[in-house]
């Protein structure tokens, strides 16, 4: 029987990392990893490396006003 994988997280996602004392927003590309049986966020770091990140630290980008609460993380959605 074929195993059904869950849906890929939809929308635009960003992964924030601290590099050389600067907070860098890195766009996320979700890829299925069969060894983990989960969608993992991959992003290009400021050093141009393609890195897998922690799914709980990926932040969804929404169209909101500048004075709205901070963006929601993946752990808040599931």
N, C-alpha and C. Protein backbone atom coordinates (compact mmCIF):
# COMPACT_ATOMS: atom_id res chain seq x y z
N UNK A 1 0.83 -1.18 0.00
CA UNK A 1 0.00 0.00 0.00
C UNK A 1 0.88 1.25 0.00
N UNK A 2 0.53 2.20 -0.80
CA UNK A 2 1.30 3.42 -0.94
C UNK A 2 1.03 4.36 0.25
N UNK A 3 2.11 4.90 0.81
CA UNK A 3 1.98 5.84 1.92
C UNK A 3 1.67 7.23 1.36
N UNK A 4 0.65 7.87 1.91
CA UNK A 4 0.26 9.20 1.46
C UNK A 4 0.99 10.23 2.32
N UNK A 5 1.70 11.14 1.66
CA UNK A 5 2.39 12.18 2.41
C UNK A 5 1.47 13.38 2.62
N UNK A 6 1.67 14.11 3.73
CA UNK A 6 0.83 15.28 3.99
C UNK A 6 1.08 16.38 2.97
N UNK A 7 0.18 17.34 2.92
CA UNK A 7 0.33 18.45 1.99
C UNK A 7 1.53 19.32 2.35
N UNK A 8 2.11 19.91 1.32
CA UNK A 8 3.21 20.84 1.53
C UNK A 8 2.64 22.12 2.14
N UNK A 9 3.34 22.72 3.11
CA UNK A 9 2.86 24.00 3.64
C UNK A 9 2.72 25.03 2.53
N UNK A 10 1.54 25.62 2.40
CA UNK A 10 1.29 26.56 1.30
C UNK A 10 1.66 27.98 1.73
N UNK A 11 1.78 28.84 0.75
CA UNK A 11 2.11 30.24 1.01
C UNK A 11 3.60 30.50 0.94
N UNK A 12 3.96 31.76 1.26
CA UNK A 12 5.37 32.16 1.27
C UNK A 12 5.91 32.02 2.69
N UNK A 13 7.11 31.46 2.82
CA UNK A 13 7.73 31.23 4.11
C UNK A 13 9.12 31.84 4.12
N UNK A 14 9.55 32.29 5.29
CA UNK A 14 10.89 32.87 5.46
C UNK A 14 11.52 32.24 6.68
N UNK A 15 12.82 32.04 6.60
CA UNK A 15 13.60 31.51 7.71
C UNK A 15 14.60 32.59 8.10
N UNK A 16 14.54 33.08 9.32
CA UNK A 16 15.44 34.14 9.78
C UNK A 16 16.65 33.52 10.45
N UNK A 17 17.84 33.94 10.02
CA UNK A 17 19.07 33.47 10.67
C UNK A 17 19.94 34.68 11.03
N UNK A 18 20.75 34.51 12.05
CA UNK A 18 21.67 35.55 12.48
C UNK A 18 23.05 35.22 11.92
N UNK A 19 23.57 36.10 11.06
CA UNK A 19 24.87 35.89 10.42
C UNK A 19 25.64 37.19 10.48
N UNK A 20 26.79 37.14 11.11
CA UNK A 20 27.64 38.33 11.28
C UNK A 20 26.86 39.49 11.90
N UNK A 21 26.13 39.20 12.96
CA UNK A 21 25.36 40.18 13.73
C UNK A 21 24.25 40.87 12.93
N UNK A 22 23.83 40.26 11.84
CA UNK A 22 22.72 40.78 11.03
C UNK A 22 21.66 39.69 10.93
N UNK A 23 20.40 40.06 11.14
CA UNK A 23 19.30 39.12 11.00
C UNK A 23 18.90 39.05 9.52
N UNK A 24 19.12 37.91 8.91
CA UNK A 24 18.88 37.73 7.47
C UNK A 24 17.57 36.99 7.24
N UNK A 25 16.66 37.54 6.43
CA UNK A 25 15.47 36.79 6.03
C UNK A 25 15.80 35.96 4.78
N UNK A 26 15.67 34.65 4.88
CA UNK A 26 16.00 33.77 3.77
C UNK A 26 14.71 33.08 3.29
N UNK A 27 14.37 33.20 2.01
CA UNK A 27 13.17 32.54 1.49
C UNK A 27 13.30 31.02 1.61
N UNK A 28 12.18 30.37 1.89
CA UNK A 28 12.16 28.92 2.12
C UNK A 28 11.58 28.20 0.92
N UNK A 29 12.18 27.07 0.58
CA UNK A 29 11.62 26.15 -0.41
C UNK A 29 11.40 24.83 0.33
N UNK A 30 10.14 24.37 0.38
CA UNK A 30 9.81 23.15 1.10
C UNK A 30 10.09 21.95 0.21
N UNK A 31 10.80 20.95 0.76
CA UNK A 31 11.10 19.72 0.03
C UNK A 31 10.76 18.53 0.91
N UNK A 32 10.22 17.49 0.27
CA UNK A 32 9.86 16.27 0.99
C UNK A 32 11.11 15.44 1.24
N UNK A 33 11.34 15.06 2.48
CA UNK A 33 12.45 14.19 2.84
C UNK A 33 11.87 12.87 3.30
N UNK A 34 12.03 11.84 2.47
CA UNK A 34 11.43 10.55 2.79
C UNK A 34 12.08 9.88 4.00
N UNK A 35 13.34 10.18 4.29
CA UNK A 35 13.97 9.58 5.46
C UNK A 35 13.34 10.09 6.76
N UNK A 36 12.86 11.35 6.77
CA UNK A 36 12.17 11.92 7.93
C UNK A 36 10.66 11.80 7.79
N UNK A 37 10.18 11.48 6.60
CA UNK A 37 8.75 11.46 6.27
C UNK A 37 8.09 12.77 6.67
N UNK A 38 8.70 13.88 6.23
CA UNK A 38 8.17 15.21 6.54
C UNK A 38 8.67 16.22 5.51
N UNK A 39 7.96 17.36 5.44
CA UNK A 39 8.39 18.48 4.61
C UNK A 39 9.41 19.28 5.42
N UNK A 40 10.57 19.54 4.85
CA UNK A 40 11.60 20.32 5.54
C UNK A 40 11.84 21.63 4.79
N UNK A 41 12.05 22.72 5.54
CA UNK A 41 12.34 24.00 4.89
C UNK A 41 13.82 24.08 4.49
N UNK A 42 14.06 24.32 3.22
CA UNK A 42 15.42 24.54 2.74
C UNK A 42 15.53 26.00 2.35
N UNK A 43 16.66 26.62 2.62
CA UNK A 43 16.86 28.04 2.31
C UNK A 43 18.30 28.27 1.90
N UNK A 44 18.52 29.36 1.16
CA UNK A 44 19.87 29.78 0.81
C UNK A 44 20.36 30.72 1.89
N UNK A 45 21.47 30.36 2.52
CA UNK A 45 22.03 31.21 3.57
C UNK A 45 22.77 32.38 2.92
N UNK A 46 23.16 33.40 3.72
CA UNK A 46 23.93 34.53 3.16
C UNK A 46 25.26 34.09 2.54
N UNK A 47 25.76 32.92 2.92
CA UNK A 47 26.99 32.40 2.33
C UNK A 47 26.71 31.55 1.09
N UNK A 48 25.45 31.61 0.60
CA UNK A 48 24.98 30.92 -0.61
C UNK A 48 25.05 29.40 -0.50
N UNK A 49 24.84 28.87 0.71
CA UNK A 49 24.73 27.44 0.90
C UNK A 49 23.25 27.09 0.98
N UNK A 50 22.87 25.94 0.44
CA UNK A 50 21.49 25.47 0.48
C UNK A 50 21.36 24.58 1.71
N UNK A 51 20.63 25.05 2.73
CA UNK A 51 20.63 24.41 4.05
C UNK A 51 19.21 24.03 4.45
N UNK A 52 19.09 22.89 5.13
CA UNK A 52 17.80 22.49 5.71
C UNK A 52 17.67 23.14 7.08
N UNK A 53 16.49 23.70 7.35
CA UNK A 53 16.26 24.37 8.62
C UNK A 53 15.28 23.62 9.49
N UNK A 54 15.08 24.12 10.68
CA UNK A 54 14.12 23.57 11.63
C UNK A 54 12.72 24.02 11.20
N UNK A 55 11.79 23.08 10.94
CA UNK A 55 10.44 23.49 10.51
C UNK A 55 9.72 24.37 11.52
N UNK A 56 10.00 24.23 12.80
CA UNK A 56 9.33 25.04 13.82
C UNK A 56 9.77 26.50 13.78
N UNK A 57 10.91 26.80 13.13
CA UNK A 57 11.41 28.17 13.07
C UNK A 57 11.10 28.87 11.76
N UNK A 58 10.43 28.19 10.84
CA UNK A 58 10.02 28.82 9.59
C UNK A 58 8.84 29.74 9.87
N UNK A 59 8.84 30.92 9.27
CA UNK A 59 7.82 31.93 9.51
C UNK A 59 7.03 32.16 8.22
N UNK A 60 5.71 32.12 8.33
CA UNK A 60 4.86 32.35 7.16
C UNK A 60 4.71 33.85 6.91
N UNK A 61 4.83 34.26 5.65
CA UNK A 61 4.68 35.65 5.26
C UNK A 61 3.22 35.90 4.93
N UNK A 62 2.64 36.92 5.57
CA UNK A 62 1.25 37.27 5.30
C UNK A 62 1.16 38.73 4.90
N UNK A 63 0.07 39.07 4.24
CA UNK A 63 -0.17 40.47 3.86
C UNK A 63 -0.91 41.15 4.99
N UNK A 64 -0.17 41.82 5.86
CA UNK A 64 -0.77 42.50 7.00
C UNK A 64 -0.20 43.91 7.10
N UNK A 65 -0.80 44.70 7.95
CA UNK A 65 -0.31 46.05 8.16
C UNK A 65 0.97 46.01 9.01
N UNK A 66 1.80 47.06 8.95
CA UNK A 66 3.07 47.06 9.68
C UNK A 66 2.91 46.98 11.20
N UNK A 67 1.76 47.38 11.75
CA UNK A 67 1.58 47.37 13.19
C UNK A 67 0.86 46.12 13.69
N UNK A 68 0.79 45.09 12.89
CA UNK A 68 0.12 43.87 13.29
C UNK A 68 1.05 43.02 14.16
N UNK A 69 0.54 41.96 14.80
CA UNK A 69 1.40 41.09 15.60
C UNK A 69 2.43 40.39 14.72
N UNK A 70 3.48 39.83 15.32
CA UNK A 70 4.52 39.17 14.52
C UNK A 70 3.95 38.01 13.72
N UNK A 71 4.61 37.62 12.63
CA UNK A 71 4.11 36.55 11.78
C UNK A 71 4.03 35.22 12.53
N UNK A 72 3.14 34.35 12.06
CA UNK A 72 2.96 33.06 12.70
C UNK A 72 4.01 32.07 12.26
N UNK A 73 4.44 31.23 13.17
CA UNK A 73 5.40 30.18 12.85
C UNK A 73 4.68 28.90 12.50
N UNK A 74 5.41 27.97 11.92
CA UNK A 74 4.84 26.71 11.52
C UNK A 74 4.29 25.94 12.71
N UNK A 75 4.92 26.02 13.86
CA UNK A 75 4.46 25.27 15.03
C UNK A 75 3.10 25.77 15.52
N UNK A 76 2.73 27.01 15.21
CA UNK A 76 1.43 27.56 15.62
C UNK A 76 0.32 27.07 14.71
N UNK A 77 0.65 26.66 13.50
CA UNK A 77 -0.37 26.30 12.52
C UNK A 77 -0.82 24.86 12.71
N UNK A 78 0.11 23.96 13.00
CA UNK A 78 -0.24 22.53 13.09
C UNK A 78 -0.61 22.16 14.49
